[in-house]
Protein backbone atom coordinates (compact mmCIF):
# COMPACT_ATOMS: atom_id res chain seq x y z
CA MET A 1 -55.48 -34.38 26.42
CA ARG A 2 -56.65 -31.17 24.72
CA ALA A 3 -56.20 -30.94 20.97
CA ALA A 4 -57.22 -28.91 17.92
CA LEU A 5 -59.03 -31.24 15.55
CA HIS A 6 -61.49 -31.51 12.70
CA ASP A 7 -64.23 -34.08 12.12
CA THR A 8 -64.70 -33.20 8.45
CA PHE A 9 -62.64 -31.66 5.68
CA GLY A 10 -63.44 -28.08 4.82
CA ASP A 11 -62.83 -24.43 5.63
CA PRO A 12 -60.30 -24.41 8.52
CA THR A 13 -61.98 -21.39 10.10
CA VAL A 14 -65.20 -23.43 10.31
CA VAL A 15 -64.28 -27.09 10.84
CA LEU A 16 -61.40 -26.72 13.31
CA HIS A 17 -62.28 -26.85 17.01
CA GLY A 18 -60.84 -27.76 20.39
CA GLY A 19 -61.61 -31.11 21.96
CA GLU A 20 -60.43 -34.03 24.07
CA VAL A 21 -58.62 -37.03 22.59
CA PRO A 22 -56.67 -39.91 24.17
CA ALA A 23 -53.02 -39.14 24.89
CA PRO A 24 -50.82 -40.93 22.33
CA GLN A 25 -48.34 -43.63 23.33
CA PRO A 26 -44.96 -43.96 21.59
CA ALA A 27 -44.27 -47.19 19.72
CA ALA A 28 -40.81 -48.64 19.15
CA GLY A 29 -38.49 -46.04 17.64
CA GLU A 30 -40.79 -43.16 18.60
CA VAL A 31 -40.87 -40.47 21.26
CA ARG A 32 -43.72 -38.52 22.79
CA ILE A 33 -43.28 -34.78 23.03
CA ARG A 34 -45.11 -32.36 25.33
CA THR A 35 -45.92 -29.46 23.04
CA VAL A 36 -44.74 -25.96 23.91
CA LEU A 37 -45.52 -24.13 20.64
CA ALA A 38 -46.76 -25.29 17.23
CA PRO A 39 -46.99 -23.18 14.05
CA ILE A 40 -49.83 -23.00 11.55
CA HIS A 41 -48.49 -23.59 8.05
CA ASN A 42 -50.35 -23.19 4.77
CA HIS A 43 -49.94 -26.91 4.10
CA ASP A 44 -51.61 -27.63 7.46
CA LEU A 45 -54.65 -25.65 6.35
CA TRP A 46 -54.68 -27.37 2.95
CA THR A 47 -54.61 -30.70 4.81
CA VAL A 48 -57.63 -29.61 6.86
CA ARG A 49 -59.38 -28.76 3.60
CA GLY A 50 -58.60 -32.28 2.33
CA LYS A 51 -56.66 -30.93 -0.64
CA TYR A 52 -53.05 -31.71 0.25
CA GLY A 53 -50.79 -34.61 -0.69
CA TYR A 54 -51.49 -36.21 2.70
CA LYS A 55 -55.09 -36.92 3.78
CA PRO A 56 -55.55 -37.99 7.42
CA THR A 57 -58.18 -40.34 8.80
CA LEU A 58 -61.02 -38.42 10.46
CA PRO A 59 -61.46 -37.21 13.11
CA ALA A 60 -57.92 -35.85 12.91
CA VAL A 61 -55.68 -33.76 15.13
CA ALA A 62 -54.08 -31.18 12.84
CA GLY A 63 -50.56 -29.78 12.73
CA SER A 64 -47.22 -31.00 11.40
CA GLU A 65 -44.49 -29.17 13.34
CA ALA A 66 -43.82 -28.17 16.93
CA THR A 67 -41.22 -27.62 19.60
CA GLY A 68 -41.51 -29.16 23.03
CA VAL A 69 -40.01 -31.45 25.64
CA ILE A 70 -39.70 -35.23 25.37
CA ASP A 71 -41.81 -36.91 28.07
CA ALA A 72 -41.75 -40.56 26.97
CA LEU A 73 -39.47 -42.83 24.93
CA GLY A 74 -40.54 -45.81 22.84
CA GLU A 75 -38.64 -49.07 22.87
CA GLY A 76 -35.18 -48.96 21.37
CA VAL A 77 -34.81 -45.17 21.23
CA GLN A 78 -31.24 -44.08 21.80
CA GLY A 79 -29.53 -40.68 21.83
CA LEU A 80 -32.58 -38.87 23.20
CA THR A 81 -33.70 -38.42 26.82
CA VAL A 82 -36.85 -37.54 28.74
CA GLY A 83 -36.83 -33.82 29.55
CA GLN A 84 -34.84 -32.92 26.42
CA ARG A 85 -36.00 -29.84 24.47
CA VAL A 86 -36.54 -30.74 20.81
CA SER A 87 -38.35 -29.83 17.61
CA ALA A 88 -39.92 -32.04 14.98
CA ALA A 89 -41.53 -31.47 11.59
CA SER A 90 -43.17 -33.59 8.87
CA VAL A 91 -45.09 -35.35 11.64
CA HIS A 92 -48.81 -35.42 12.46
CA GLY A 93 -51.04 -34.18 15.25
CA THR A 94 -48.83 -31.46 16.72
CA TRP A 95 -51.74 -29.14 17.57
CA ALA A 96 -52.22 -30.90 20.88
CA GLU A 97 -50.79 -31.10 24.38
CA GLN A 98 -48.70 -34.10 23.28
CA PHE A 99 -47.71 -35.65 19.96
CA ILE A 100 -45.69 -38.56 18.63
CA ALA A 101 -42.60 -38.27 16.43
CA PRO A 102 -40.22 -40.87 15.01
CA ALA A 103 -36.95 -40.54 16.93
CA LYS A 104 -35.05 -40.02 13.67
CA MET A 105 -37.21 -36.94 12.92
CA VAL A 106 -36.49 -35.25 16.27
CA ILE A 107 -33.89 -32.48 16.46
CA PRO A 108 -32.48 -31.32 19.81
CA MET A 109 -32.67 -27.55 20.22
CA PRO A 110 -29.73 -25.52 21.61
CA ASP A 111 -30.50 -23.12 24.46
CA ALA A 112 -29.42 -20.22 22.21
CA ILE A 113 -32.56 -20.73 20.08
CA ASP A 114 -35.78 -19.45 21.69
CA ASP A 115 -39.07 -21.37 21.63
CA GLU A 116 -40.74 -19.13 19.03
CA THR A 117 -37.86 -19.72 16.60
CA ALA A 118 -37.52 -23.41 17.48
CA ALA A 119 -41.23 -23.99 16.80
CA GLN A 120 -40.92 -22.94 13.16
CA LEU A 121 -37.27 -23.67 12.44
CA ILE A 122 -37.51 -27.01 10.68
CA ALA A 123 -40.39 -27.24 8.19
CA MET A 124 -40.18 -23.97 6.27
CA PRO A 125 -36.50 -23.02 6.71
CA LEU A 126 -35.33 -26.59 6.06
CA SER A 127 -37.58 -26.72 2.99
CA ALA A 128 -36.02 -23.43 1.87
CA LEU A 129 -32.51 -24.79 2.39
CA MET A 130 -33.34 -28.04 0.57
CA LEU A 131 -34.88 -25.92 -2.19
CA LEU A 132 -31.72 -23.84 -2.44
CA GLU A 133 -29.67 -27.01 -2.90
CA PHE A 134 -32.28 -28.34 -5.35
CA LEU A 135 -31.73 -25.24 -7.52
CA GLN A 136 -28.03 -26.17 -7.85
CA VAL A 137 -26.91 -22.55 -7.88
CA ARG A 138 -23.42 -21.36 -7.01
CA GLU A 139 -22.11 -18.42 -5.03
CA GLY A 140 -22.48 -15.22 -7.05
CA GLN A 141 -25.38 -16.46 -9.20
CA TRP A 142 -28.86 -14.93 -9.22
CA ILE A 143 -32.19 -16.53 -8.37
CA LEU A 144 -35.71 -15.08 -8.52
CA GLN A 145 -38.74 -15.94 -6.41
CA ASN A 146 -42.34 -14.75 -6.07
CA ALA A 147 -44.45 -14.81 -2.89
CA ALA A 148 -41.16 -13.86 -1.26
CA ASN A 149 -42.74 -12.53 1.93
CA GLY A 150 -44.11 -15.97 2.83
CA ALA A 151 -42.32 -18.13 5.41
CA VAL A 152 -40.32 -20.10 2.86
CA GLY A 153 -39.65 -17.03 0.75
CA LYS A 154 -38.16 -15.08 3.65
CA ALA A 155 -36.07 -18.06 4.70
CA LEU A 156 -34.86 -18.63 1.13
CA ALA A 157 -33.79 -14.98 0.86
CA MET A 158 -31.86 -15.13 4.15
CA LEU A 159 -30.25 -18.49 3.40
CA SER A 160 -29.29 -17.40 -0.10
CA LYS A 161 -27.54 -14.34 1.33
CA ALA A 162 -25.70 -16.49 3.87
CA ARG A 163 -24.41 -18.65 1.00
CA GLY A 164 -23.47 -15.75 -1.23
CA VAL A 165 -26.28 -16.33 -3.73
CA HIS A 166 -28.10 -13.21 -4.96
CA CYS A 167 -31.90 -13.36 -4.67
CA VAL A 168 -34.53 -11.08 -6.23
CA ASN A 169 -37.68 -11.19 -4.11
CA LEU A 170 -41.09 -10.46 -5.61
CA VAL A 171 -44.02 -9.40 -3.41
CA ARG A 172 -47.54 -8.50 -4.48
CA ARG A 173 -47.96 -5.32 -2.40
CA ASP A 174 -45.85 -2.19 -2.09
CA ALA A 175 -46.05 -2.54 1.70
CA GLY A 176 -44.33 -5.91 1.37
CA VAL A 177 -41.10 -4.18 0.36
CA ALA A 178 -40.86 -2.38 3.71
CA GLU A 179 -41.70 -5.62 5.55
CA MET A 180 -38.78 -7.36 3.86
CA ASP A 181 -36.46 -4.39 4.41
CA ALA A 182 -37.24 -4.56 8.15
CA LEU A 183 -35.85 -8.10 8.16
CA GLY A 184 -32.70 -7.02 6.35
CA ILE A 185 -33.81 -8.67 3.09
CA GLU A 186 -32.61 -6.78 0.01
CA ASN A 187 -33.63 -6.75 -3.67
CA THR A 188 -37.37 -6.80 -2.96
CA ILE A 189 -39.65 -5.61 -5.77
CA SER A 190 -43.43 -5.12 -5.73
CA THR A 191 -45.30 -6.57 -8.70
CA ALA A 192 -48.00 -3.96 -8.05
CA ARG A 193 -45.72 -1.54 -9.92
CA SER A 194 -46.23 -1.47 -13.69
CA ASP A 195 -42.49 -1.49 -14.36
CA TRP A 196 -41.59 -4.32 -11.98
CA MET A 197 -40.11 -6.56 -14.68
CA ALA A 198 -37.81 -3.74 -15.76
CA GLN A 199 -36.81 -3.29 -12.09
CA VAL A 200 -35.85 -6.96 -11.93
CA GLN A 201 -33.68 -6.65 -15.03
CA ALA A 202 -32.07 -3.47 -13.67
CA THR A 203 -31.31 -5.20 -10.37
CA VAL A 204 -29.66 -8.17 -12.07
CA GLY A 205 -27.85 -6.00 -14.60
CA GLU A 206 -25.76 -7.92 -17.11
CA ALA A 207 -26.04 -11.15 -15.11
CA SER A 208 -28.42 -13.98 -15.94
CA ILE A 209 -31.06 -15.44 -13.62
CA ALA A 210 -30.05 -19.07 -13.13
CA ALA A 211 -33.20 -20.28 -11.37
CA ALA A 212 -36.66 -19.08 -10.42
CA VAL A 213 -39.10 -20.35 -7.78
CA ASP A 214 -42.82 -20.08 -8.47
CA SER A 215 -45.19 -20.25 -5.50
CA VAL A 216 -48.10 -18.53 -7.25
CA GLY A 217 -48.95 -20.32 -10.50
CA GLY A 218 -51.13 -19.02 -13.30
CA ARG A 219 -49.75 -16.05 -15.21
CA ALA A 220 -46.96 -15.58 -12.67
CA SER A 221 -45.28 -18.74 -13.95
CA SER A 222 -44.98 -17.24 -17.41
CA GLU A 223 -43.59 -13.99 -16.00
CA LEU A 224 -40.83 -15.83 -14.16
CA MET A 225 -40.02 -17.86 -17.26
CA THR A 226 -39.71 -14.64 -19.29
CA LEU A 227 -37.12 -13.31 -16.81
CA LEU A 228 -35.22 -16.60 -16.54
CA GLY A 229 -31.84 -16.82 -18.24
CA ASP A 230 -30.84 -19.29 -20.94
CA GLY A 231 -30.53 -22.82 -19.60
CA GLY A 232 -32.22 -21.78 -16.38
CA THR A 233 -34.52 -23.78 -14.13
CA LEU A 234 -38.07 -22.88 -13.11
CA VAL A 235 -39.24 -24.70 -9.98
CA SER A 236 -42.91 -24.98 -9.04
CA PHE A 237 -43.08 -24.79 -5.25
CA GLY A 238 -46.75 -23.94 -4.77
CA SER A 239 -49.87 -22.41 -6.32
CA MET A 240 -51.36 -19.56 -4.32
CA THR A 241 -53.78 -18.82 -7.15
CA GLY A 242 -54.89 -22.43 -7.49
CA GLU A 243 -54.51 -21.97 -11.24
CA PRO A 244 -52.48 -24.14 -13.64
CA MET A 245 -49.04 -22.84 -14.58
CA GLN A 246 -49.12 -20.77 -17.76
CA LEU A 247 -45.94 -21.11 -19.79
CA ASN A 248 -44.96 -19.72 -23.17
CA SER A 249 -43.65 -22.68 -25.14
CA GLY A 250 -41.27 -20.39 -27.05
CA ASP A 251 -39.54 -19.34 -23.81
CA VAL A 252 -39.18 -22.96 -22.72
CA ILE A 253 -37.85 -24.08 -26.11
CA PHE A 254 -35.49 -21.26 -27.02
CA LYS A 255 -34.10 -20.83 -23.53
CA GLN A 256 -33.66 -24.59 -23.22
CA ALA A 257 -35.28 -24.16 -19.83
CA THR A 258 -36.00 -26.89 -17.30
CA VAL A 259 -39.27 -26.99 -15.33
CA LYS A 260 -39.33 -29.02 -12.11
CA GLY A 261 -41.69 -29.59 -9.20
CA PHE A 262 -40.47 -29.44 -5.59
CA TRP A 263 -42.22 -31.12 -2.64
CA GLY A 264 -40.12 -30.89 0.50
CA SER A 265 -41.50 -34.12 1.95
CA LYS A 266 -40.42 -36.18 -1.07
CA VAL A 267 -37.05 -34.45 -1.36
CA SER A 268 -36.43 -35.00 2.35
CA GLN A 269 -37.25 -38.70 2.10
CA ALA A 270 -34.82 -39.13 -0.79
CA MET A 271 -32.01 -37.15 0.85
CA ALA A 272 -29.04 -38.98 2.31
CA PRO A 273 -28.96 -38.81 6.15
CA ASP A 274 -25.53 -37.13 6.13
CA ASP A 275 -26.81 -34.40 3.80
CA LYS A 276 -29.85 -33.80 5.99
CA ARG A 277 -27.68 -33.56 9.12
CA ARG A 278 -25.44 -31.09 7.31
CA LEU A 279 -28.40 -28.88 6.35
CA VAL A 280 -29.95 -29.04 9.81
CA GLY A 281 -26.59 -28.12 11.34
CA GLU A 282 -26.33 -25.14 9.01
CA LEU A 283 -29.82 -23.99 10.06
CA LEU A 284 -29.11 -24.37 13.78
CA GLN A 285 -25.87 -22.42 13.54
CA LEU A 286 -27.47 -19.63 11.52
CA ALA A 287 -30.44 -19.36 13.90
CA ALA A 288 -28.24 -19.48 17.01
CA ARG A 289 -26.16 -16.52 15.83
CA GLY A 290 -29.25 -14.49 14.85
CA GLY A 291 -28.87 -14.85 11.10
CA LEU A 292 -32.35 -16.27 10.58
CA SER A 293 -35.26 -14.07 11.64
CA LEU A 294 -38.57 -15.95 12.09
CA PRO A 295 -41.09 -13.42 13.47
CA VAL A 296 -44.38 -14.38 15.15
CA ASP A 297 -47.64 -12.59 14.36
CA GLY A 298 -49.74 -14.07 17.16
CA VAL A 299 -50.12 -16.93 19.66
CA PHE A 300 -53.48 -18.65 20.31
CA GLY A 301 -54.73 -21.42 22.58
CA LEU A 302 -55.93 -24.75 21.18
CA ASP A 303 -59.58 -23.92 21.83
CA ALA A 304 -59.19 -20.76 19.72
CA VAL A 305 -57.82 -22.71 16.75
CA ALA A 306 -60.52 -21.46 14.34
CA ASP A 307 -59.58 -17.87 15.18
CA ALA A 308 -55.91 -18.79 14.80
CA ALA A 309 -56.59 -20.24 11.35
CA LYS A 310 -58.43 -17.04 10.39
CA ALA A 311 -55.48 -14.95 11.58
CA SER A 312 -53.07 -17.15 9.63
CA LEU A 313 -55.08 -16.56 6.45
CA GLU A 314 -55.05 -12.76 6.82
CA PRO A 315 -52.97 -11.02 4.13
CA GLY A 316 -50.11 -8.82 5.23
CA ARG A 317 -49.07 -10.84 8.26
CA ASN A 318 -45.59 -10.06 9.57
CA GLY A 319 -44.93 -13.56 10.89
CA LYS A 320 -46.27 -16.99 11.74
CA VAL A 321 -49.33 -17.71 13.85
CA LEU A 322 -48.55 -20.18 16.65
CA LEU A 323 -50.63 -22.40 18.93
CA ARG A 324 -49.80 -22.87 22.62
CA PRO A 325 -51.51 -25.72 24.55
């Protein structure tokens, strides 16, 4: 079968290429899925670089999420059928004509959800929903996030609104405000403006920010901590700068703040099955009624994977880059 793979770790725009690999066969408890669309996530590119929490054996077929149609069942699989349209995330090797997924990781897709949405519905939006629960915020409270125009940031803003949680969304460019507005996302502030911290405080008013999500690192961590309310929680979700978090010890001490790390894979593994089904059901219902907008910036073939990776790394994208076998 055709696949997008890499023989070494390194720059995704250089090391990724199309090639032929043997078609995978499902083991007991697994299904094989014929890929329709697969997204390119930042963590996929970090995996290709060899700098993520998971390091595959080389040569490796990249990708961790896709939507498609089941074409083979492993021994003992129940509740799923050949020909069924499904999505799966937190798996490996999805940038190919076929991939393997544990049956318990496969989610049937309703007809009301189109392929482009289904292809990116699980990993980032489910991470955002798990993150929202991780923050332990209630309806009417305020949260703050940076890198808000990323896939998780947009999903977190939409999901927060659906749950009645107020979210202030920080973007690094003035143009990012209009991009968020176009998706119906409110309370977006550009940190390119010198008075952006005052804008945050004016937006929140007399309320206190209960939690903040940092996807940038470096100085940005300290800025979020400064804006956080007493007893609030700062969650490290990522590090776009690649720099260590900078925190003022006085803010941490006198605010009695809590600093936590969030890795969706670990949180998902520890989550009770009933809770995960509840969150997935919430996502499917929201997406089916059009309450979760997941735009696509471009679709590439597997042999153009290096170009697709380059497009995914371009700043100012309006949506995800997808691969179509």
